[in-house]
């Protein structure tokens, strides 16, 4: 079963490269590699905790305003179920 999990070696990489070129074309390969590199860099940034775009949560914004809770009276059980 270990042979199924082995990485390609030597000539197998050449066959894989030829198949990729045939599937995507030589003009599309540079764009694909650039996008793959960007994705890997973003993944590394997120995992290392260097994400610059962390949202700043305000204590006031995270909690509902007290006026919102007081402006709407609580409905009784009979008002929630009409016809009861």
N, C-alpha and C. Protein backbone atom coordinates (compact mmCIF):
# COMPACT_ATOMS: atom_id res chain seq x y z
N UNK A 1 0.82 -1.19 0.00
CA UNK A 1 0.00 0.00 0.00
C UNK A 1 0.86 1.26 0.00
N UNK A 2 2.08 1.17 0.49
CA UNK A 2 2.98 2.31 0.51
C UNK A 2 3.34 2.76 -0.90
N UNK A 3 3.34 1.84 -1.86
CA UNK A 3 3.66 2.19 -3.24
C UNK A 3 2.59 3.10 -3.84
N UNK A 4 1.37 3.00 -3.37
CA UNK A 4 0.30 3.85 -3.88
C UNK A 4 0.45 5.29 -3.42
N UNK A 5 1.12 5.50 -2.31
CA UNK A 5 1.28 6.84 -1.75
C UNK A 5 2.59 7.50 -2.13
N UNK A 6 3.42 6.82 -2.93
CA UNK A 6 4.74 7.35 -3.29
C UNK A 6 4.60 8.50 -4.29
N UNK A 7 5.54 9.44 -4.22
CA UNK A 7 5.57 10.56 -5.16
C UNK A 7 6.18 10.11 -6.47
N UNK A 8 5.81 10.78 -7.57
CA UNK A 8 6.41 10.43 -8.86
C UNK A 8 7.91 10.70 -8.86
N UNK A 9 8.65 9.90 -9.61
CA UNK A 9 10.10 10.05 -9.70
C UNK A 9 10.52 10.15 -11.16
N UNK A 10 11.61 10.85 -11.41
CA UNK A 10 12.28 10.91 -12.71
C UNK A 10 11.37 11.07 -13.91
N UNK A 11 11.30 10.02 -14.72
CA UNK A 11 10.56 10.06 -15.97
C UNK A 11 9.06 10.27 -15.79
N UNK A 12 8.54 9.92 -14.64
CA UNK A 12 7.12 10.11 -14.39
C UNK A 12 6.75 11.59 -14.39
N UNK A 13 7.67 12.44 -13.90
CA UNK A 13 7.42 13.88 -13.91
C UNK A 13 7.33 14.40 -15.34
N UNK A 14 8.14 13.86 -16.24
CA UNK A 14 8.11 14.29 -17.64
C UNK A 14 6.77 13.94 -18.25
N UNK A 15 6.28 12.75 -17.99
CA UNK A 15 4.97 12.34 -18.52
C UNK A 15 3.87 13.25 -17.95
N UNK A 16 3.94 13.55 -16.67
CA UNK A 16 2.94 14.44 -16.06
C UNK A 16 3.01 15.83 -16.69
N UNK A 17 4.22 16.34 -16.92
CA UNK A 17 4.39 17.65 -17.54
C UNK A 17 3.81 17.69 -18.95
N UNK A 18 4.05 16.65 -19.73
CA UNK A 18 3.51 16.58 -21.09
C UNK A 18 1.98 16.57 -21.05
N UNK A 19 1.41 15.82 -20.14
CA UNK A 19 -0.06 15.77 -20.03
C UNK A 19 -0.62 17.13 -19.65
N UNK A 20 0.03 17.82 -18.73
CA UNK A 20 -0.43 19.15 -18.31
C UNK A 20 -0.35 20.13 -19.47
N UNK A 21 0.74 20.10 -20.23
CA UNK A 21 0.88 21.00 -21.39
C UNK A 21 -0.20 20.70 -22.42
N UNK A 22 -0.49 19.43 -22.64
CA UNK A 22 -1.53 19.08 -23.61
C UNK A 22 -2.92 19.53 -23.13
N UNK A 23 -3.17 19.44 -21.85
CA UNK A 23 -4.48 19.82 -21.33
C UNK A 23 -4.69 21.33 -21.31
N UNK A 24 -3.70 22.08 -20.85
CA UNK A 24 -3.89 23.51 -20.65
C UNK A 24 -3.26 24.38 -21.73
N UNK A 25 -2.33 23.87 -22.49
CA UNK A 25 -1.66 24.67 -23.49
C UNK A 25 -0.51 25.46 -22.89
N UNK A 26 0.50 25.73 -23.70
CA UNK A 26 1.71 26.38 -23.19
C UNK A 26 1.47 27.86 -22.85
N UNK A 27 0.46 28.49 -23.44
CA UNK A 27 0.20 29.90 -23.15
C UNK A 27 -0.47 30.09 -21.79
N UNK A 28 -1.20 29.09 -21.35
CA UNK A 28 -1.94 29.19 -20.09
C UNK A 28 -1.10 28.80 -18.88
N UNK A 29 -0.01 28.07 -19.07
CA UNK A 29 0.80 27.57 -17.96
C UNK A 29 1.39 28.66 -17.07
N UNK A 30 1.98 29.74 -17.61
CA UNK A 30 2.52 30.78 -16.72
C UNK A 30 1.46 31.39 -15.80
N UNK A 31 0.26 31.59 -16.32
CA UNK A 31 -0.82 32.14 -15.51
C UNK A 31 -1.22 31.15 -14.41
N UNK A 32 -1.27 29.87 -14.74
CA UNK A 32 -1.62 28.86 -13.75
C UNK A 32 -0.58 28.78 -12.63
N UNK A 33 0.70 28.85 -13.00
CA UNK A 33 1.74 28.77 -11.97
C UNK A 33 1.74 30.02 -11.09
N UNK A 34 1.48 31.19 -11.68
CA UNK A 34 1.39 32.42 -10.90
C UNK A 34 0.25 32.34 -9.89
N UNK A 35 -0.90 31.88 -10.36
CA UNK A 35 -2.06 31.76 -9.48
C UNK A 35 -1.81 30.74 -8.37
N UNK A 36 -1.14 29.65 -8.70
CA UNK A 36 -0.83 28.64 -7.69
C UNK A 36 0.14 29.21 -6.64
N UNK A 37 1.12 29.98 -7.09
CA UNK A 37 2.07 30.59 -6.15
C UNK A 37 1.38 31.60 -5.24
N UNK A 38 0.47 32.40 -5.79
CA UNK A 38 -0.27 33.36 -4.97
C UNK A 38 -1.14 32.64 -3.94
N UNK A 39 -1.78 31.57 -4.37
CA UNK A 39 -2.62 30.82 -3.44
C UNK A 39 -1.79 30.22 -2.31
N UNK A 40 -0.62 29.69 -2.64
CA UNK A 40 0.24 29.12 -1.60
C UNK A 40 0.73 30.20 -0.64
N UNK A 41 1.06 31.38 -1.15
CA UNK A 41 1.50 32.48 -0.29
C UNK A 41 0.38 32.93 0.65
N UNK A 42 -0.84 33.04 0.13
CA UNK A 42 -1.98 33.41 0.96
C UNK A 42 -2.22 32.36 2.04
N UNK A 43 -2.11 31.11 1.66
CA UNK A 43 -2.30 30.01 2.61
C UNK A 43 -1.27 30.08 3.72
N UNK A 44 -0.02 30.36 3.35
CA UNK A 44 1.04 30.47 4.35
C UNK A 44 0.80 31.66 5.27
N UNK A 45 0.34 32.79 4.71
CA UNK A 45 0.07 33.98 5.51
C UNK A 45 -1.01 33.71 6.54
N UNK A 46 -2.08 33.07 6.10
CA UNK A 46 -3.20 32.79 7.00
C UNK A 46 -2.77 31.84 8.10
N UNK A 47 -1.99 30.83 7.76
CA UNK A 47 -1.56 29.85 8.75
C UNK A 47 -0.55 30.43 9.73
N UNK A 48 0.27 31.38 9.29
CA UNK A 48 1.28 31.94 10.19
C UNK A 48 0.73 33.10 11.01
N UNK A 49 -0.48 33.57 10.72
CA UNK A 49 -1.09 34.64 11.50
C UNK A 49 -0.69 36.01 11.04
N UNK A 50 -0.16 36.17 9.86
CA UNK A 50 0.28 37.47 9.35
C UNK A 50 -0.77 38.12 8.47
N UNK A 51 -2.00 37.78 8.67
CA UNK A 51 -3.07 38.33 7.85
C UNK A 51 -3.26 39.80 8.18
N UNK A 52 -3.00 40.69 7.21
CA UNK A 52 -3.10 42.13 7.43
C UNK A 52 -4.54 42.62 7.39
N UNK A 53 -5.45 41.83 6.85
CA UNK A 53 -6.81 42.27 6.66
C UNK A 53 -7.74 41.78 7.76
N UNK A 54 -7.25 41.68 8.98
CA UNK A 54 -8.10 41.25 10.09
C UNK A 54 -9.09 42.37 10.40
N UNK A 55 -10.36 42.04 10.50
CA UNK A 55 -11.34 43.09 10.80
C UNK A 55 -11.20 43.56 12.23
N UNK A 56 -11.28 44.85 12.41
CA UNK A 56 -11.21 45.44 13.74
C UNK A 56 -12.63 45.49 14.29
N UNK A 57 -12.89 44.71 15.31
CA UNK A 57 -14.22 44.64 15.89
C UNK A 57 -14.29 45.61 17.06
N UNK A 58 -15.24 46.49 16.99
CA UNK A 58 -15.49 47.44 18.06
C UNK A 58 -16.38 46.78 19.10
N UNK A 59 -16.13 47.02 20.34
CA UNK A 59 -16.98 46.47 21.39
C UNK A 59 -18.42 46.95 21.24
N UNK A 60 -18.57 48.20 20.81
CA UNK A 60 -19.90 48.77 20.64
C UNK A 60 -20.62 48.14 19.45
N UNK A 61 -19.90 47.88 18.37
CA UNK A 61 -20.52 47.33 17.18
C UNK A 61 -20.88 45.86 17.35
N UNK A 62 -20.14 45.14 18.18
CA UNK A 62 -20.39 43.72 18.36
C UNK A 62 -21.62 43.48 19.22
N UNK A 63 -21.96 44.41 20.11
CA UNK A 63 -23.11 44.24 20.99
C UNK A 63 -24.29 45.00 20.41
N UNK A 64 -25.49 44.45 20.52
CA UNK A 64 -26.66 45.19 20.03
C UNK A 64 -26.89 46.42 20.89
N UNK A 65 -27.35 47.46 20.26
CA UNK A 65 -27.61 48.69 20.98
C UNK A 65 -28.76 48.47 21.96
N UNK A 66 -28.66 49.09 23.13
CA UNK A 66 -29.69 48.89 24.15
C UNK A 66 -31.03 49.46 23.69
N UNK A 67 -31.01 50.47 22.85
CA UNK A 67 -32.24 51.06 22.33
C UNK A 67 -33.01 50.09 21.46
N UNK A 68 -32.31 49.22 20.75
CA UNK A 68 -32.98 48.25 19.90
C UNK A 68 -33.80 47.27 20.72
N UNK A 69 -33.28 46.87 21.85
CA UNK A 69 -33.99 45.90 22.68
C UNK A 69 -35.17 46.54 23.39
N UNK A 70 -35.08 47.81 23.74
CA UNK A 70 -36.14 48.47 24.48
C UNK A 70 -37.22 49.02 23.56
N UNK A 71 -36.90 49.29 22.31
CA UNK A 71 -37.89 49.88 21.42
C UNK A 71 -38.92 48.87 20.97
N UNK A 72 -38.62 47.58 21.07
CA UNK A 72 -39.55 46.54 20.63
C UNK A 72 -39.96 45.72 21.85
N UNK A 73 -41.21 45.83 22.31
CA UNK A 73 -41.63 45.07 23.48
C UNK A 73 -41.69 43.58 23.17
N UNK A 74 -41.46 42.78 24.18
CA UNK A 74 -41.50 41.33 24.01
C UNK A 74 -42.93 40.90 23.74
N UNK A 75 -43.08 39.97 22.80
CA UNK A 75 -44.40 39.48 22.46
C UNK A 75 -44.78 38.36 23.42
N UNK A 76 -46.03 38.34 23.80
CA UNK A 76 -46.47 37.26 24.68
C UNK A 76 -46.70 36.00 23.84
N UNK A 77 -46.86 34.88 24.48
CA UNK A 77 -47.04 33.60 23.78
C UNK A 77 -48.31 33.61 22.96
N UNK A 78 -49.37 34.27 23.44
CA UNK A 78 -50.63 34.28 22.69
C UNK A 78 -50.51 35.15 21.44
N UNK A 79 -49.67 36.17 21.46
CA UNK A 79 -49.49 37.01 20.29
C UNK A 79 -48.65 36.32 19.23
N UNK A 80 -47.77 35.43 19.63
CA UNK A 80 -46.91 34.73 18.68
C UNK A 80 -47.69 33.67 17.91
N UNK A 81 -48.69 33.05 18.54
CA UNK A 81 -49.47 32.00 17.88
C UNK A 81 -50.90 32.49 17.71
N UNK A 82 -51.22 33.04 16.54
CA UNK A 82 -52.59 33.53 16.35
C UNK A 82 -53.58 32.37 16.31
N UNK A 83 -54.77 32.61 16.82
CA UNK A 83 -55.83 31.60 16.82
C UNK A 83 -55.78 30.68 18.01
N UNK A 84 -54.93 30.96 18.98
CA UNK A 84 -54.85 30.10 20.16
C UNK A 84 -55.53 30.78 21.31
